[in-house]
Amino acid sequence: MTNSETVQVRILDKEYQVQCPPEEKAGLLQSAQALDERMRDVRKSGNVIGLERTAVMVALNLAYDLLKAESKASASDAGKKDLLRIDRKLSSALKTLT
């Protein structure tokens, strides 16, 4: 069985107890704080009423941000592969000249 501890987080003035490994506690607390801030921002906007709807809107925004980040990382990897391919071609061409 894995070693875990109970961590208490506060989101929109409500306490939640979450089990997590000790080495992930800092990340959990940071995530909870970011979630709390986003939910407060959505609630302040006044466009969304109710805790459940606020949570869904924040979840949608976070999912969108994640997809954008993954797409950007994928494009970056493709760019690196292209650069490596060009580098190999240039190196090969330079070897034939010498």
PDB file of N, CA and C in Angstrom:
ATOM      1  N   MET A   1       0.843  -1.177   0.000  1.00  0.00           N
ATOM      2  CA  MET A   1       0.000   0.000   0.000  1.00  0.00           C
ATOM      3  C   MET A   1       0.888   1.240   0.000  1.00  0.00           C
ATOM      4  N   THR A   2       0.478   2.269  -0.717  1.00  0.00           N
ATOM      5  CA  THR A   2       1.288   3.468  -0.820  1.00  0.00           C
ATOM      6  C   THR A   2       1.151   4.321   0.431  1.00  0.00           C
ATOM      7  N   ASN A   3       2.210   5.059   0.704  1.00  0.00           N
ATOM      8  CA  ASN A   3       2.228   5.954   1.847  1.00  0.00           C
ATOM      9  C   ASN A   3       1.541   7.256   1.450  1.00  0.00           C
ATOM     10  N   SER A   4       0.468   7.613   2.134  1.00  0.00           N
ATOM     11  CA  SER A   4      -0.218   8.864   1.834  1.00  0.00           C
ATOM     12  C   SER A   4      -0.646   9.533   3.127  1.00  0.00           C
ATOM     13  N   GLU A   5      -0.939  10.802   2.993  1.00  0.00           N
ATOM     14  CA  GLU A   5      -1.396  11.557   4.153  1.00  0.00           C
ATOM     15  C   GLU A   5      -2.638  12.349   3.773  1.00  0.00           C
ATOM     16  N   THR A   6      -3.396  12.756   4.775  1.00  0.00           N
ATOM     17  CA  THR A   6      -4.580  13.562   4.542  1.00  0.00           C
ATOM     18  C   THR A   6      -4.183  15.021   4.576  1.00  0.00           C
ATOM     19  N   VAL A   7      -4.521  15.720   3.509  1.00  0.00           N
ATOM     20  CA  VAL A   7      -4.209  17.141   3.400  1.00  0.00           C
ATOM     21  C   VAL A   7      -5.523  17.892   3.335  1.00  0.00           C
ATOM     22  N   GLN A   8      -5.609  18.953   4.096  1.00  0.00           N
ATOM     23  CA  GLN A   8      -6.822  19.757   4.104  1.00  0.00           C
ATOM     24  C   GLN A   8      -6.615  20.963   3.189  1.00  0.00           C
ATOM     25  N   VAL A   9      -7.538  21.156   2.230  1.00  0.00           N
ATOM     26  CA  VAL A   9      -7.486  22.307   1.337  1.00  0.00           C
ATOM     27  C   VAL A   9      -8.782  23.090   1.476  1.00  0.00           C
ATOM     28  N   ARG A  10      -8.704  24.361   1.172  1.00  0.00           N
ATOM     29  CA  ARG A  10      -9.868  25.239   1.281  1.00  0.00           C
ATOM     30  C   ARG A  10     -10.140  25.855  -0.087  1.00  0.00           C
ATOM     31  N   ILE A  11     -11.333  25.605  -0.603  1.00  0.00           N
ATOM     32  CA  ILE A  11     -11.738  26.142  -1.896  1.00  0.00           C
ATOM     33  C   ILE A  11     -13.101  26.800  -1.734  1.00  0.00           C
ATOM     34  N   LEU A  12     -13.174  28.067  -2.070  1.00  0.00           N
ATOM     35  CA  LEU A  12     -14.396  28.861  -1.898  1.00  0.00           C
ATOM     36  C   LEU A  12     -14.974  28.705  -0.497  1.00  0.00           C
ATOM     37  N   ASP A  13     -14.123  28.864   0.479  1.00  0.00           N
ATOM     38  CA  ASP A  13     -14.509  28.842   1.896  1.00  0.00           C
ATOM     39  C   ASP A  13     -15.052  27.498   2.373  1.00  0.00           C
ATOM     40  N   LYS A  14     -14.785  26.444   1.632  1.00  0.00           N
ATOM     41  CA  LYS A  14     -15.170  25.103   2.063  1.00  0.00           C
ATOM     42  C   LYS A  14     -13.914  24.266   2.226  1.00  0.00           C
ATOM     43  N   GLU A  15     -13.916  23.453   3.277  1.00  0.00           N
ATOM     44  CA  GLU A  15     -12.772  22.590   3.560  1.00  0.00           C
ATOM     45  C   GLU A  15     -12.964  21.231   2.896  1.00  0.00           C
ATOM     46  N   TYR A  16     -11.885  20.735   2.313  1.00  0.00           N
ATOM     47  CA  TYR A  16     -11.891  19.406   1.700  1.00  0.00           C
ATOM     48  C   TYR A  16     -10.669  18.653   2.198  1.00  0.00           C
ATOM     49  N   GLN A  17     -10.847  17.359   2.472  1.00  0.00           N
ATOM     50  CA  GLN A  17      -9.736  16.510   2.871  1.00  0.00           C
ATOM     51  C   GLN A  17      -9.382  15.613   1.692  1.00  0.00           C
ATOM     52  N   VAL A  18      -8.097  15.634   1.333  1.00  0.00           N
ATOM     53  CA  VAL A  18      -7.637  14.893   0.169  1.00  0.00           C
ATOM     54  C   VAL A  18      -6.449  14.033   0.572  1.00  0.00           C
ATOM     55  N   GLN A  19      -6.460  12.784   0.143  1.00  0.00           N
ATOM     56  CA  GLN A  19      -5.329  11.890   0.380  1.00  0.00           C
ATOM     57  C   GLN A  19      -4.301  12.085  -0.740  1.00  0.00           C
ATOM     58  N   CYS A  20      -3.029  12.200  -0.356  1.00  0.00           N
ATOM     59  CA  CYS A  20      -1.986  12.281  -1.374  1.00  0.00           C
ATOM     60  C   CYS A  20      -0.654  11.858  -0.768  1.00  0.00           C
ATOM     61  N   PRO A  21       0.268  11.402  -1.615  1.00  0.00           N
ATOM     62  CA  PRO A  21       1.604  11.055  -1.129  1.00  0.00           C
ATOM     63  C   PRO A  21       2.298  12.304  -0.593  1.00  0.00           C
ATOM     64  N   PRO A  22       3.125  12.154   0.424  1.00  0.00           N
ATOM     65  CA  PRO A  22       3.794  13.323   1.019  1.00  0.00           C
ATOM     66  C   PRO A  22       4.581  14.146   0.006  1.00  0.00           C
ATOM     67  N   GLU A  23       5.202  13.489  -0.978  1.00  0.00           N
ATOM     68  CA  GLU A  23       6.012  14.218  -1.951  1.00  0.00           C
ATOM     69  C   GLU A  23       5.164  15.040  -2.935  1.00  0.00           C
ATOM     70  N   GLU A  24       3.847  14.829  -2.942  1.00  0.00           N
ATOM     71  CA  GLU A  24       2.960  15.580  -3.826  1.00  0.00           C
ATOM     72  C   GLU A  24       2.147  16.641  -3.084  1.00  0.00           C
ATOM     73  N   LYS A  25       2.382  16.777  -1.793  1.00  0.00           N
ATOM     74  CA  LYS A  25       1.602  17.708  -0.976  1.00  0.00           C
ATOM     75  C   LYS A  25       1.736  19.151  -1.462  1.00  0.00           C
ATOM     76  N   ALA A  26       2.943  19.588  -1.739  1.00  0.00           N
ATOM     77  CA  ALA A  26       3.152  20.974  -2.179  1.00  0.00           C
ATOM     78  C   ALA A  26       2.399  21.248  -3.475  1.00  0.00           C
ATOM     79  N   GLY A  27       2.448  20.314  -4.412  1.00  0.00           N
ATOM     80  CA  GLY A  27       1.734  20.472  -5.674  1.00  0.00           C
ATOM     81  C   GLY A  27       0.227  20.510  -5.475  1.00  0.00           C
ATOM     82  N   LEU A  28      -0.267  19.676  -4.569  1.00  0.00           N
ATOM     83  CA  LEU A  28      -1.695  19.664  -4.271  1.00  0.00           C
ATOM     84  C   LEU A  28      -2.132  21.003  -3.688  1.00  0.00           C
ATOM     85  N   LEU A  29      -1.380  21.513  -2.743  1.00  0.00           N
ATOM     86  CA  LEU A  29      -1.725  22.800  -2.120  1.00  0.00           C
ATOM     87  C   LEU A  29      -1.682  23.931  -3.145  1.00  0.00           C
ATOM     88  N   GLN A  30      -0.700  23.903  -4.013  1.00  0.00           N
ATOM     89  CA  GLN A  30      -0.586  24.927  -5.054  1.00  0.00           C
ATOM     90  C   GLN A  30      -1.762  24.818  -6.028  1.00  0.00           C
ATOM     91  N   SER A  31      -2.129  23.602  -6.382  1.00  0.00           N
ATOM     92  CA  SER A  31      -3.264  23.385  -7.290  1.00  0.00           C
ATOM     93  C   SER A  31      -4.568  23.864  -6.653  1.00  0.00           C
ATOM     94  N   ALA A  32      -4.737  23.566  -5.383  1.00  0.00           N
ATOM     95  CA  ALA A  32      -5.957  23.985  -4.677  1.00  0.00           C
ATOM     96  C   ALA A  32      -6.042  25.507  -4.621  1.00  0.00           C
ATOM     97  N   GLN A  33      -4.914  26.157  -4.393  1.00  0.00           N
ATOM     98  CA  GLN A  33      -4.907  27.621  -4.345  1.00  0.00           C
ATOM     99  C   GLN A  33      -5.248  28.213  -5.712  1.00  0.00           C
ATOM    100  N   ALA A  34      -4.679  27.639  -6.777  1.00  0.00           N
ATOM    101  CA  ALA A  34      -4.970  28.121  -8.128  1.00  0.00           C
ATOM    102  C   ALA A  34      -6.450  27.909  -8.460  1.00  0.00           C
ATOM    103  N   LEU A  35      -6.995  26.758  -8.077  1.00  0.00           N
ATOM    104  CA  LEU A  35      -8.400  26.473  -8.314  1.00  0.00           C
ATOM    105  C   LEU A  35      -9.290  27.456  -7.561  1.00  0.00           C
ATOM    106  N   ASP A  36      -8.951  27.709  -6.313  1.00  0.00           N
ATOM    107  CA  ASP A  36      -9.717  28.661  -5.503  1.00  0.00           C
ATOM    108  C   ASP A  36      -9.718  30.044  -6.164  1.00  0.00           C
ATOM    109  N   GLU A  37      -8.558  30.480  -6.635  1.00  0.00           N
ATOM    110  CA  GLU A  37      -8.464  31.797  -7.276  1.00  0.00           C
ATOM    111  C   GLU A  37      -9.313  31.857  -8.545  1.00  0.00           C
ATOM    112  N   ARG A  38      -9.245  30.807  -9.357  1.00  0.00           N
ATOM    113  CA  ARG A  38     -10.037  30.787 -10.592  1.00  0.00           C
ATOM    114  C   ARG A  38     -11.531  30.775 -10.296  1.00  0.00           C
ATOM    115  N   MET A  39     -11.922  29.988  -9.298  1.00  0.00           N
ATOM    116  CA  MET A  39     -13.346  29.920  -8.970  1.00  0.00           C
ATOM    117  C   MET A  39     -13.837  31.258  -8.421  1.00  0.00           C
ATOM    118  N   ARG A  40     -13.014  31.919  -7.639  1.00  0.00           N
ATOM    119  CA  ARG A  40     -13.394  33.243  -7.130  1.00  0.00           C
ATOM    120  C   ARG A  40     -13.530  34.251  -8.273  1.00  0.00           C
ATOM    121  N   ASP A  41     -12.617  34.173  -9.251  1.00  0.00           N
ATOM    122  CA  ASP A  41     -12.692  35.077 -10.400  1.00  0.00           C
ATOM    123  C   ASP A  41     -13.980  34.862 -11.185  1.00  0.00           C
ATOM    124  N   VAL A  42     -14.343  33.594 -11.413  1.00  0.00           N
ATOM    125  CA  VAL A  42     -15.574  33.289 -12.142  1.00  0.00           C
ATOM    126  C   VAL A  42     -16.775  33.771 -11.345  1.00  0.00           C
ATOM    127  N   ARG A  43     -16.761  33.540 -10.048  1.00  0.00           N
ATOM    128  CA  ARG A  43     -17.873  33.961  -9.202  1.00  0.00           C
ATOM    129  C   ARG A  43     -18.007  35.487  -9.194  1.00  0.00           C
ATOM    130  N   LYS A  44     -16.876  36.200  -9.162  1.00  0.00           N
ATOM    131  CA  LYS A  44     -16.897  37.669  -9.156  1.00  0.00           C
ATOM    132  C   LYS A  44     -17.445  38.238 -10.458  1.00  0.00           C
ATOM    133  N   SER A  45     -17.243  37.514 -11.544  1.00  0.00           N
ATOM    134  CA  SER A  45     -17.714  38.014 -12.840  1.00  0.00           C
ATOM    135  C   SER A  45     -19.234  38.168 -12.854  1.00  0.00           C
ATOM    136  N   GLY A  46     -19.918  37.378 -12.022  1.00  0.00           N
ATOM    137  CA  GLY A  46     -21.375  37.475 -11.922  1.00  0.00           C
ATOM    138  C   GLY A  46     -22.116  36.795 -13.058  1.00  0.00           C
ATOM    139  N   ASN A  47     -21.384  36.217 -14.012  1.00  0.00           N
ATOM    140  CA  ASN A  47     -22.036  35.574 -15.160  1.00  0.00           C
ATOM    141  C   ASN A  47     -22.478  34.151 -14.862  1.00  0.00           C
ATOM    142  N   VAL A  48     -21.932  33.559 -13.801  1.00  0.00           N
ATOM    143  CA  VAL A  48     -22.235  32.174 -13.477  1.00  0.00           C
ATOM    144  C   VAL A  48     -22.786  32.126 -12.058  1.00  0.00           C
ATOM    145  N   ILE A  49     -23.913  31.464 -11.908  1.00  0.00           N
ATOM    146  CA  ILE A  49     -24.547  31.370 -10.591  1.00  0.00           C
ATOM    147  C   ILE A  49     -24.528  29.924 -10.128  1.00  0.00           C
ATOM    148  N   GLY A  50     -24.111  29.711  -8.905  1.00  0.00           N
ATOM    149  CA  GLY A  50     -24.108  28.376  -8.315  1.00  0.00           C
ATOM    150  C   GLY A  50     -22.728  27.761  -8.317  1.00  0.00           C
ATOM    151  N   LEU A  51     -22.446  27.051  -7.233  1.00  0.00           N
ATOM    152  CA  LEU A  51     -21.141  26.427  -7.055  1.00  0.00           C
ATOM    153  C   LEU A  51     -20.843  25.398  -8.141  1.00  0.00           C
ATOM    154  N   GLU A  52     -21.825  24.567  -8.462  1.00  0.00           N
ATOM    155  CA  GLU A  52     -21.609  23.517  -9.459  1.00  0.00           C
ATOM    156  C   GLU A  52     -21.306  24.115 -10.830  1.00  0.00           C
ATOM    157  N   ARG A  53     -22.060  25.123 -11.235  1.00  0.00           N
ATOM    158  CA  ARG A  53     -21.826  25.761 -12.533  1.00  0.00           C
ATOM    159  C   ARG A  53     -20.472  26.471 -12.545  1.00  0.00           C
ATOM    160  N   THR A  54     -20.112  27.077 -11.441  1.00  0.00           N
ATOM    161  CA  THR A  54     -18.801  27.723 -11.351  1.00  0.00           C
ATOM    162  C   THR A  54     -17.693  26.701 -11.520  1.00  0.00           C
ATOM    163  N   ALA A  55     -17.825  25.568 -10.841  1.00  0.00           N
ATOM    164  CA  ALA A  55     -16.819  24.510 -10.939  1.00  0.00           C
ATOM    165  C   ALA A  55     -16.720  23.980 -12.367  1.00  0.00           C
ATOM    166  N   VAL A  56     -17.857  23.818 -13.045  1.00  0.00           N
ATOM    167  CA  VAL A  56     -17.846  23.325 -14.423  1.00  0.00           C
ATOM    168  C   VAL A  56     -17.174  24.343 -15.343  1.00  0.00           C
ATOM    169  N   MET A  57     -17.452  25.628 -15.169  1.00  0.00           N
ATOM    170  CA  MET A  57     -16.826  26.648 -16.010  1.00  0.00           C
ATOM    171  C   MET A  57     -15.310  26.673 -15.803  1.00  0.00           C
ATOM    172  N   VAL A  58     -14.880  26.562 -14.566  1.00  0.00           N
ATOM    173  CA  VAL A  58     -13.449  26.535 -14.280  1.00  0.00           C
ATOM    174  C   VAL A  58     -12.821  25.279 -14.867  1.00  0.00           C
ATOM    175  N   ALA A  59     -13.500  24.146 -14.740  1.00  0.00           N
ATOM    176  CA  ALA A  59     -12.985  22.891 -15.310  1.00  0.00           C
ATOM    177  C   ALA A  59     -12.849  23.002 -16.825  1.00  0.00           C
ATOM    178  N   LEU A  60     -13.818  23.606 -17.478  1.00  0.00           N
ATOM    179  CA  LEU A  60     -13.735  23.799 -18.925  1.00  0.00           C
ATOM    180  C   LEU A  60     -12.560  24.697 -19.299  1.00  0.00           C
ATOM    181  N   ASN A  61     -12.377  25.767 -18.553  1.00  0.00           N
ATOM    182  CA  ASN A  61     -11.249  26.666 -18.815  1.00  0.00           C
ATOM    183  C   ASN A  61      -9.916  25.965 -18.603  1.00  0.00           C
ATOM    184  N   LEU A  62      -9.812  25.175 -17.544  1.00  0.00           N
ATOM    185  CA  LEU A  62      -8.571  24.446 -17.282  1.00  0.00           C
ATOM    186  C   LEU A  62      -8.305  23.399 -18.364  1.00  0.00           C
ATOM    187  N   ALA A  63      -9.355  22.707 -18.807  1.00  0.00           N
ATOM    188  CA  ALA A  63      -9.197  21.713 -19.872  1.00  0.00           C
ATOM    189  C   ALA A  63      -8.739  22.386 -21.162  1.00  0.00           C
ATOM    190  N   TYR A  64      -9.294  23.542 -21.463  1.00  0.00           N
ATOM    191  CA  TYR A  64      -8.896  24.287 -22.652  1.00  0.00           C
ATOM    192  C   TYR A  64      -7.428  24.708 -22.547  1.00  0.00           C
ATOM    193  N   ASP A  65      -7.033  25.234 -21.396  1.00  0.00           N
ATOM    194  CA  ASP A  65      -5.638  25.630 -21.181  1.00  0.00           C
ATOM    195  C   ASP A  65      -4.695  24.443 -21.344  1.00  0.00           C
ATOM    196  N   LEU A  66      -5.095  23.290 -20.831  1.00  0.00           N
ATOM    197  CA  LEU A  66      -4.280  22.083 -20.948  1.00  0.00           C
ATOM    198  C   LEU A  66      -4.134  21.664 -22.413  1.00  0.00           C
ATOM    199  N   LEU A  67      -5.229  21.676 -23.155  1.00  0.00           N
ATOM    200  CA  LEU A  67      -5.174  21.313 -24.573  1.00  0.00           C
ATOM    201  C   LEU A  67      -4.275  22.268 -25.356  1.00  0.00           C
ATOM    202  N   LYS A  68      -4.362  23.567 -25.051  1.00  0.00           N
ATOM    203  CA  LYS A  68      -3.491  24.540 -25.718  1.00  0.00           C
ATOM    204  C   LYS A  68      -2.027  24.257 -25.407  1.00  0.00           C
ATOM    205  N   ALA A  69      -1.720  23.976 -24.151  1.00  0.00           N
ATOM    206  CA  ALA A  69      -0.343  23.698 -23.748  1.00  0.00           C
ATOM    207  C   ALA A  69       0.177  22.431 -24.414  1.00  0.00           C
ATOM    208  N   GLU A  70      -0.660  21.398 -24.477  1.00  0.00           N
ATOM    209  CA  GLU A  70      -0.257  20.145 -25.128  1.00  0.00           C
ATOM    210  C   GLU A  70      -0.021  20.363 -26.617  1.00  0.00           C
ATOM    211  N   SER A  71      -0.868  21.145 -27.254  1.00  0.00           N
ATOM    212  CA  SER A  71      -0.721  21.438 -28.678  1.00  0.00           C
ATOM    213  C   SER A  71       0.566  22.216 -28.936  1.00  0.00           C
ATOM    214  N   LYS A  72       0.836  23.176 -28.075  1.00  0.00           N
ATOM    215  CA  LYS A  72       2.052  23.981 -28.200  1.00  0.00           C
ATOM    216  C   LYS A  72       3.292  23.105 -28.021  1.00  0.00           C
ATOM    217  N   ALA A  73       3.264  22.208 -27.055  1.00  0.00           N
ATOM    218  CA  ALA A  73       4.397  21.303 -26.815  1.00  0.00           C
ATOM    219  C   ALA A  73       4.590  20.375 -28.000  1.00  0.00           C
ATOM    220  N   SER A  74       3.503  19.895 -28.575  1.00  0.00           N
ATOM    221  CA  SER A  74       3.579  19.005 -29.723  1.00  0.00           C
ATOM    222  C   SER A  74       4.180  19.736 -30.925  1.00  0.00           C
ATOM    223  N   ALA A  75       3.749  20.973 -31.143  1.00  0.00           N
ATOM    224  CA  ALA A  75       4.287  21.771 -32.251  1.00  0.00           C
ATOM    225  C   ALA A  75       5.770  22.041 -32.030  1.00  0.00           C
ATOM    226  N   SER A  76       6.146  22.270 -30.788  1.00  0.00           N
ATOM    227  CA  SER A  76       7.554  22.509 -30.469  1.00  0.00           C
ATOM    228  C   SER A  76       8.390  21.271 -30.758  1.00  0.00           C
ATOM    229  N   ASP A  77       7.872  20.104 -30.401  1.00  0.00           N
ATOM    230  CA  ASP A  77       8.577  18.844 -30.684  1.00  0.00           C
ATOM    231  C   ASP A  77       8.735  18.635 -32.184  1.00  0.00           C
ATOM    232  N   ALA A  78       7.687  18.942 -32.939  1.00  0.00           N
ATOM    233  CA  ALA A  78       7.750  18.793 -34.399  1.00  0.00           C
ATOM    234  C   ALA A  78       8.796  19.737 -34.976  1.00  0.00           C
ATOM    235  N   GLY A  79       8.857  20.946 -34.448  1.00  0.00           N
ATOM    236  CA  GLY A  79       9.854  21.914 -34.900  1.00  0.00           C
ATOM    237  C   GLY A  79      11.263  21.440 -34.617  1.00  0.00           C
ATOM    238  N   LYS A  80      11.466  20.846 -33.457  1.00  0.00           N
ATOM    239  CA  LYS A  80      12.789  20.318 -33.100  1.00  0.00           C
ATOM    240  C   LYS A  80      13.187  19.188 -34.043  1.00  0.00           C
ATOM    241  N   LYS A  81      12.224  18.320 -34.366  1.00  0.00           N
ATOM    242  CA  LYS A  81      12.509  17.213 -35.287  1.00  0.00           C
ATOM    243  C   LYS A  81      12.900  17.742 -36.660  1.00  0.00           C
ATOM    244  N   ASP A  82      12.194  18.792 -37.118  1.00  0.00           N
ATOM    245  CA  ASP A  82      12.530  19.388 -38.411  1.00  0.00           C
ATOM    246  C   ASP A  82      13.936  19.967 -38.391  1.00  0.00           C
ATOM    247  N   LEU A  83      14.293  20.642 -37.301  1.00  0.00           N
ATOM    248  CA  LEU A  83      15.631  21.223 -37.192  1.00  0.00           C
ATOM    249  C   LEU A  83      16.706  20.139 -37.180  1.00  0.00           C
ATOM    250  N   LEU A  84      16.444  19.046 -36.483  1.00  0.00           N
ATOM    251  CA  LEU A  84      17.406  17.945 -36.454  1.00  0.00           C
ATOM    252  C   LEU A  84      17.566  17.325 -37.840  1.00  0.00           C
ATOM    253  N   ARG A  85      16.468  17.179 -38.563  1.00  0.00           N
ATOM    254  CA  ARG A  85      16.514  16.628 -39.917  1.00  0.00           C
ATOM    255  C   ARG A  85      17.327  17.546 -40.835  1.00  0.00           C
ATOM    256  N   ILE A  86      17.098  18.851 -40.744  1.00  0.00           N
ATOM    257  CA  ILE A  86      17.850  19.810 -41.559  1.00  0.00           C
ATOM    258  C   ILE A  86      19.328  19.783 -41.188  1.00  0.00           C
ATOM    259  N   ASP A  87      19.606  19.695 -39.883  1.00  0.00           N
ATOM    260  CA  ASP A  87      20.999  19.635 -39.420  1.00  0.00           C
ATOM    261  C   ASP A  87      21.712  18.411 -39.990  1.00  0.00           C
ATOM    262  N   ARG A  88      21.030  17.267 -39.989  1.00  0.00           N
ATOM    263  CA  ARG A  88      21.630  16.051 -40.551  1.00  0.00           C
ATOM    264  C   ARG A  88      21.917  16.217 -42.042  1.00  0.00           C
ATOM    265  N   LYS A  89      20.969  16.823 -42.764  1.00  0.00           N
ATOM    266  CA  LYS A  89      21.167  17.029 -44.196  1.00  0.00           C
ATOM    267  C   LYS A  89      22.342  17.969 -44.459  1.00  0.00           C
ATOM    268  N   LEU A  90      22.413  19.055 -43.675  1.00  0.00           N
ATOM    269  CA  LEU A  90      23.524  19.998 -43.844  1.00  0.00           C
ATOM    270  C   LEU A  90      24.861  19.339 -43.515  1.00  0.00           C
ATOM    271  N   SER A  91      24.887  18.573 -42.451  1.00  0.00           N
ATOM    272  CA  SER A  91      26.129  17.878 -42.074  1.00  0.00           C
ATOM    273  C   SER A  91      26.553  16.905 -43.163  1.00  0.00           C
ATOM    274  N   SER A  92      25.592  16.191 -43.714  1.00  0.00           N
ATOM    275  CA  SER A  92      25.886  15.237 -44.788  1.00  0.00           C
ATOM    276  C   SER A  92      26.393  15.960 -46.025  1.00  0.00           C
ATOM    277  N   ALA A  93      25.761  17.083 -46.359  1.00  0.00           N
ATOM    278  CA  ALA A  93      26.182  17.850 -47.534  1.00  0.00           C
ATOM    279  C   ALA A  93      27.580  18.417 -47.335  1.00  0.00           C
ATOM    280  N   LEU A  94      27.883  18.897 -46.129  1.00  0.00           N
ATOM    281  CA  LEU A  94      29.210  19.447 -45.841  1.00  0.00           C
ATOM    282  C   LEU A  94      30.282  18.370 -45.905  1.00  0.00           C
ATOM    283  N   LYS A  95      29.955  17.165 -45.500  1.00  0.00           N
ATOM    284  CA  LYS A  95      30.935  16.062 -45.550  1.00  0.00           C
ATOM    285  C   LYS A  95      31.303  15.722 -46.994  1.00  0.00           C
ATOM    286  N   THR A  96      30.325  15.833 -47.903  1.00  0.00           N
ATOM    287  CA  THR A  96      30.613  15.515 -49.300  1.00  0.00           C
ATOM    288  C   THR A  96      31.478  16.593 -49.939  1.00  0.00           C
ATOM    289  N   LEU A  97      31.465  17.802 -49.398  1.00  0.00           N
ATOM    290  CA  LEU A  97      32.281  18.895 -49.943  1.00  0.00           C
ATOM    291  C   LEU A  97      33.735  18.818 -49.495  1.00  0.00           C
ATOM    292  N   THR A  98      34.004  18.165 -48.383  1.00  0.00           N
ATOM    293  CA  THR A  98      35.379  18.120 -47.867  1.00  0.00           C
ATOM    294  C   THR A  98      36.142  16.921 -48.319  1.00  0.00           C
TER     295      THR A  98
END
